[in-house]
Each structure stands twice: as structure tokens, then as C-alpha cells.
Amino acid sequence: MASKVTLYKCSDDPRTVSKTLTGKAEYDFIARGAININRPTIRIQTATNLSEYNYAYIEEYNRYYYIESTTASRADIWDFSLRTD
């Protein structure tokens, strides 16, 4: 079952509480492997280049995340490793 993630671009210092978020984009994702709510790994299928995003929100988990790594495994498959903000 797919869930929704909202990706953002954020240039604020990680210690900033009220972050300035830009470039909002919403996608369906699937979780990769066992779910760790603090450090999930997710997969998005889209032809859009997602490499510039560095922040995410998953409503289902009610959490914001830093994107620690982004990997394009094919032209339309993106894997993200996230860490709770």
C-alpha cells in the first residue's frame, strides 16, 4: 500500500525550529524493508528529478525528516533514506 510524502527544499540551519520550506511536491511512496519511524527508507516512482530535495514530511507518521541520501536506482525510481528532524 502506498502512502503520501511531501518533499521540500530547506536551506535553514538544522537547529532552526521554524524552517522555511520551498519547492513543495507530493508523491506516493512505498516503504523499503521494515518500518523504522525514526529512520525510514522510502521509494518513489517518478520521472521527475528529485535530487534537489532535502526535507520531507510523512503525514501518516506525523513527522518531518531530513533526507540523508537520495539514490536514483533507475530513471524513474528514487530511494530516500530519512532521519527524524
N, C-alpha and C. Protein backbone atom coordinates (compact mmCIF):
# COMPACT_ATOMS: atom_id res chain seq x y z
N MET A 1 0.83 -1.18 0.00
CA MET A 1 0.00 0.00 0.00
C MET A 1 0.88 1.25 0.00
N ALA A 2 0.56 2.19 -0.87
CA ALA A 2 1.33 3.42 -0.97
C ALA A 2 0.84 4.45 0.04
N SER A 3 1.76 5.26 0.52
CA SER A 3 1.47 6.37 1.42
C SER A 3 1.91 7.65 0.73
N LYS A 4 1.61 8.79 1.33
CA LYS A 4 1.98 10.09 0.77
C LYS A 4 3.16 10.70 1.52
N VAL A 5 4.06 11.30 0.75
CA VAL A 5 5.16 12.07 1.31
C VAL A 5 5.18 13.43 0.62
N THR A 6 5.50 14.46 1.38
CA THR A 6 5.68 15.80 0.82
C THR A 6 7.15 16.13 0.91
N LEU A 7 7.76 16.44 -0.24
CA LEU A 7 9.17 16.78 -0.29
C LEU A 7 9.32 18.30 -0.34
N TYR A 8 10.40 18.77 0.27
CA TYR A 8 10.69 20.21 0.31
C TYR A 8 12.18 20.44 0.09
N LYS A 9 12.49 21.70 -0.18
CA LYS A 9 13.87 22.19 -0.18
C LYS A 9 13.98 23.12 1.02
N CYS A 10 15.03 22.96 1.80
CA CYS A 10 15.22 23.75 3.01
C CYS A 10 16.69 24.11 3.14
N SER A 11 16.97 25.40 3.28
CA SER A 11 18.36 25.82 3.42
C SER A 11 18.65 26.34 4.83
N ASP A 12 17.69 26.21 5.75
CA ASP A 12 17.89 26.66 7.13
C ASP A 12 18.86 25.75 7.88
N ASP A 13 19.47 26.32 8.90
CA ASP A 13 20.31 25.56 9.81
C ASP A 13 19.46 24.47 10.46
N PRO A 14 19.97 23.26 10.62
CA PRO A 14 19.19 22.17 11.22
C PRO A 14 18.66 22.50 12.62
N ARG A 15 19.31 23.43 13.32
CA ARG A 15 18.86 23.81 14.67
C ARG A 15 17.69 24.79 14.65
N THR A 16 17.33 25.31 13.46
CA THR A 16 16.21 26.24 13.34
C THR A 16 14.90 25.49 13.57
N VAL A 17 14.05 26.04 14.43
CA VAL A 17 12.79 25.38 14.75
C VAL A 17 11.75 25.63 13.65
N SER A 18 11.53 26.87 13.29
CA SER A 18 10.54 27.22 12.25
C SER A 18 11.25 27.34 10.92
N LYS A 19 11.31 26.24 10.19
CA LYS A 19 12.06 26.19 8.94
C LYS A 19 11.29 26.85 7.79
N THR A 20 12.04 27.41 6.84
CA THR A 20 11.48 27.96 5.62
C THR A 20 11.55 26.85 4.58
N LEU A 21 10.39 26.38 4.15
CA LEU A 21 10.31 25.26 3.21
C LEU A 21 9.82 25.75 1.87
N THR A 22 10.50 25.33 0.80
CA THR A 22 10.12 25.73 -0.55
C THR A 22 10.05 24.50 -1.44
N GLY A 23 9.57 24.68 -2.65
CA GLY A 23 9.57 23.61 -3.65
C GLY A 23 8.68 22.43 -3.30
N LYS A 24 7.57 22.68 -2.64
CA LYS A 24 6.68 21.60 -2.18
C LYS A 24 6.25 20.70 -3.34
N ALA A 25 6.41 19.38 -3.13
CA ALA A 25 5.99 18.39 -4.12
C ALA A 25 5.50 17.15 -3.38
N GLU A 26 4.33 16.65 -3.77
CA GLU A 26 3.75 15.48 -3.12
C GLU A 26 3.83 14.26 -4.02
N TYR A 27 4.15 13.12 -3.40
CA TYR A 27 4.29 11.87 -4.13
C TYR A 27 3.76 10.71 -3.29
N ASP A 28 3.37 9.65 -3.97
CA ASP A 28 3.10 8.39 -3.30
C ASP A 28 4.43 7.69 -3.11
N PHE A 29 4.55 6.94 -2.03
CA PHE A 29 5.78 6.18 -1.81
C PHE A 29 5.44 4.83 -1.22
N ILE A 30 6.40 3.94 -1.31
CA ILE A 30 6.32 2.67 -0.60
C ILE A 30 7.52 2.60 0.34
N ALA A 31 7.31 2.00 1.50
CA ALA A 31 8.40 1.85 2.45
C ALA A 31 9.29 0.70 2.00
N ARG A 32 10.58 0.86 2.23
CA ARG A 32 11.55 -0.18 1.88
C ARG A 32 11.94 -0.92 3.15
N GLY A 33 11.69 -2.20 3.18
CA GLY A 33 12.06 -3.01 4.34
C GLY A 33 11.17 -2.74 5.53
N ALA A 34 11.62 -3.17 6.70
CA ALA A 34 10.87 -2.96 7.94
C ALA A 34 10.81 -1.46 8.25
N ILE A 35 9.66 -1.01 8.73
CA ILE A 35 9.47 0.41 9.00
C ILE A 35 10.15 0.79 10.32
N ASN A 36 11.04 1.75 10.24
CA ASN A 36 11.61 2.40 11.42
C ASN A 36 11.12 3.84 11.35
N ILE A 37 10.18 4.21 12.19
CA ILE A 37 9.53 5.52 12.09
C ILE A 37 10.53 6.67 12.24
N ASN A 38 11.66 6.45 12.91
CA ASN A 38 12.66 7.49 13.08
C ASN A 38 13.64 7.59 11.92
N ARG A 39 13.83 6.50 11.19
CA ARG A 39 14.78 6.46 10.08
C ARG A 39 14.23 5.62 8.93
N PRO A 40 13.10 6.03 8.36
CA PRO A 40 12.53 5.21 7.28
C PRO A 40 13.31 5.31 5.98
N THR A 41 13.20 4.29 5.18
CA THR A 41 13.72 4.29 3.82
C THR A 41 12.51 4.12 2.91
N ILE A 42 12.38 5.05 1.96
CA ILE A 42 11.19 5.04 1.10
C ILE A 42 11.60 5.03 -0.37
N ARG A 43 10.66 4.61 -1.22
CA ARG A 43 10.88 4.57 -2.67
C ARG A 43 9.74 5.32 -3.37
N ILE A 44 10.13 6.20 -4.29
CA ILE A 44 9.18 6.97 -5.09
C ILE A 44 9.43 6.66 -6.55
N GLN A 45 8.35 6.47 -7.29
CA GLN A 45 8.48 6.25 -8.73
C GLN A 45 7.97 7.49 -9.46
N THR A 46 8.88 8.18 -10.14
CA THR A 46 8.55 9.36 -10.93
C THR A 46 9.69 9.65 -11.89
N ALA A 47 9.37 10.23 -13.03
CA ALA A 47 10.39 10.63 -14.00
C ALA A 47 11.01 11.97 -13.62
N THR A 48 10.45 12.65 -12.63
CA THR A 48 10.95 13.95 -12.17
C THR A 48 12.26 13.77 -11.41
N ASN A 49 13.21 14.68 -11.61
CA ASN A 49 14.48 14.64 -10.87
C ASN A 49 14.22 15.13 -9.45
N LEU A 50 14.43 14.26 -8.47
CA LEU A 50 14.17 14.60 -7.07
C LEU A 50 15.44 14.85 -6.26
N SER A 51 16.56 14.94 -6.92
CA SER A 51 17.84 15.03 -6.21
C SER A 51 18.05 16.32 -5.43
N GLU A 52 17.29 17.37 -5.71
CA GLU A 52 17.48 18.65 -5.01
C GLU A 52 16.69 18.76 -3.71
N TYR A 53 15.82 17.81 -3.43
CA TYR A 53 15.04 17.86 -2.20
C TYR A 53 15.86 17.36 -1.03
N ASN A 54 15.71 18.01 0.13
CA ASN A 54 16.50 17.63 1.30
C ASN A 54 15.67 17.54 2.59
N TYR A 55 14.34 17.66 2.48
CA TYR A 55 13.49 17.66 3.65
C TYR A 55 12.16 17.02 3.26
N ALA A 56 11.51 16.32 4.17
CA ALA A 56 10.28 15.60 3.84
C ALA A 56 9.32 15.58 5.03
N TYR A 57 8.04 15.42 4.70
CA TYR A 57 7.01 15.25 5.73
C TYR A 57 6.15 14.06 5.34
N ILE A 58 5.98 13.13 6.29
CA ILE A 58 5.10 11.99 6.08
C ILE A 58 3.94 12.15 7.03
N GLU A 59 2.77 12.46 6.47
CA GLU A 59 1.58 12.73 7.28
C GLU A 59 1.18 11.52 8.11
N GLU A 60 1.27 10.34 7.52
CA GLU A 60 0.89 9.11 8.22
C GLU A 60 1.67 8.94 9.51
N TYR A 61 2.91 9.37 9.53
CA TYR A 61 3.76 9.27 10.72
C TYR A 61 3.73 10.55 11.55
N ASN A 62 3.15 11.62 10.99
CA ASN A 62 3.10 12.94 11.64
C ASN A 62 4.51 13.42 12.02
N ARG A 63 5.44 13.26 11.06
CA ARG A 63 6.84 13.62 11.33
C ARG A 63 7.49 14.29 10.12
N TYR A 64 8.43 15.18 10.45
CA TYR A 64 9.29 15.79 9.44
C TYR A 64 10.64 15.08 9.49
N TYR A 65 11.28 15.02 8.31
CA TYR A 65 12.54 14.28 8.18
C TYR A 65 13.56 15.05 7.35
N TYR A 66 14.81 14.87 7.70
CA TYR A 66 15.90 15.28 6.82
C TYR A 66 16.12 14.13 5.84
N ILE A 67 16.37 14.46 4.60
CA ILE A 67 16.73 13.44 3.62
C ILE A 67 18.24 13.27 3.70
N GLU A 68 18.68 12.13 4.20
CA GLU A 68 20.10 11.87 4.37
C GLU A 68 20.77 11.43 3.09
N SER A 69 20.05 10.65 2.27
CA SER A 69 20.62 10.24 0.99
C SER A 69 19.51 10.00 -0.01
N THR A 70 19.84 10.26 -1.26
CA THR A 70 18.93 10.06 -2.38
C THR A 70 19.66 9.26 -3.43
N THR A 71 19.03 8.19 -3.89
CA THR A 71 19.63 7.35 -4.91
C THR A 71 18.64 7.12 -6.04
N ALA A 72 19.07 7.38 -7.26
CA ALA A 72 18.25 7.06 -8.43
C ALA A 72 18.67 5.68 -8.89
N SER A 73 17.83 4.68 -8.62
CA SER A 73 18.21 3.32 -8.98
C SER A 73 17.87 2.98 -10.43
N ARG A 74 16.96 3.74 -11.02
CA ARG A 74 16.64 3.69 -12.45
C ARG A 74 16.21 5.10 -12.82
N ALA A 75 15.87 5.31 -14.05
CA ALA A 75 15.48 6.64 -14.50
C ALA A 75 14.24 7.15 -13.77
N ASP A 76 13.39 6.24 -13.30
CA ASP A 76 12.14 6.69 -12.66
C ASP A 76 11.94 6.15 -11.25
N ILE A 77 12.99 5.61 -10.62
CA ILE A 77 12.89 5.09 -9.26
C ILE A 77 13.87 5.84 -8.36
N TRP A 78 13.35 6.40 -7.28
CA TRP A 78 14.17 7.17 -6.33
C TRP A 78 14.04 6.55 -4.94
N ASP A 79 15.18 6.26 -4.32
CA ASP A 79 15.20 5.74 -2.95
C ASP A 79 15.74 6.82 -2.02
N PHE A 80 15.07 7.01 -0.90
CA PHE A 80 15.45 8.03 0.08
C PHE A 80 15.66 7.40 1.45
N SER A 81 16.75 7.79 2.10
CA SER A 81 16.98 7.44 3.49
C SER A 81 16.68 8.70 4.29
N LEU A 82 15.78 8.59 5.25
CA LEU A 82 15.32 9.74 6.03
C LEU A 82 15.73 9.62 7.49
N ARG A 83 15.82 10.78 8.14
CA ARG A 83 16.14 10.86 9.58
C ARG A 83 15.23 11.88 10.21
N THR A 84 14.60 11.54 11.33
CA THR A 84 13.66 12.43 12.00
C THR A 84 14.33 13.76 12.35
N ASP A 85 13.57 14.84 12.10
CA ASP A 85 14.02 16.19 12.49
C ASP A 85 13.69 16.35 13.96
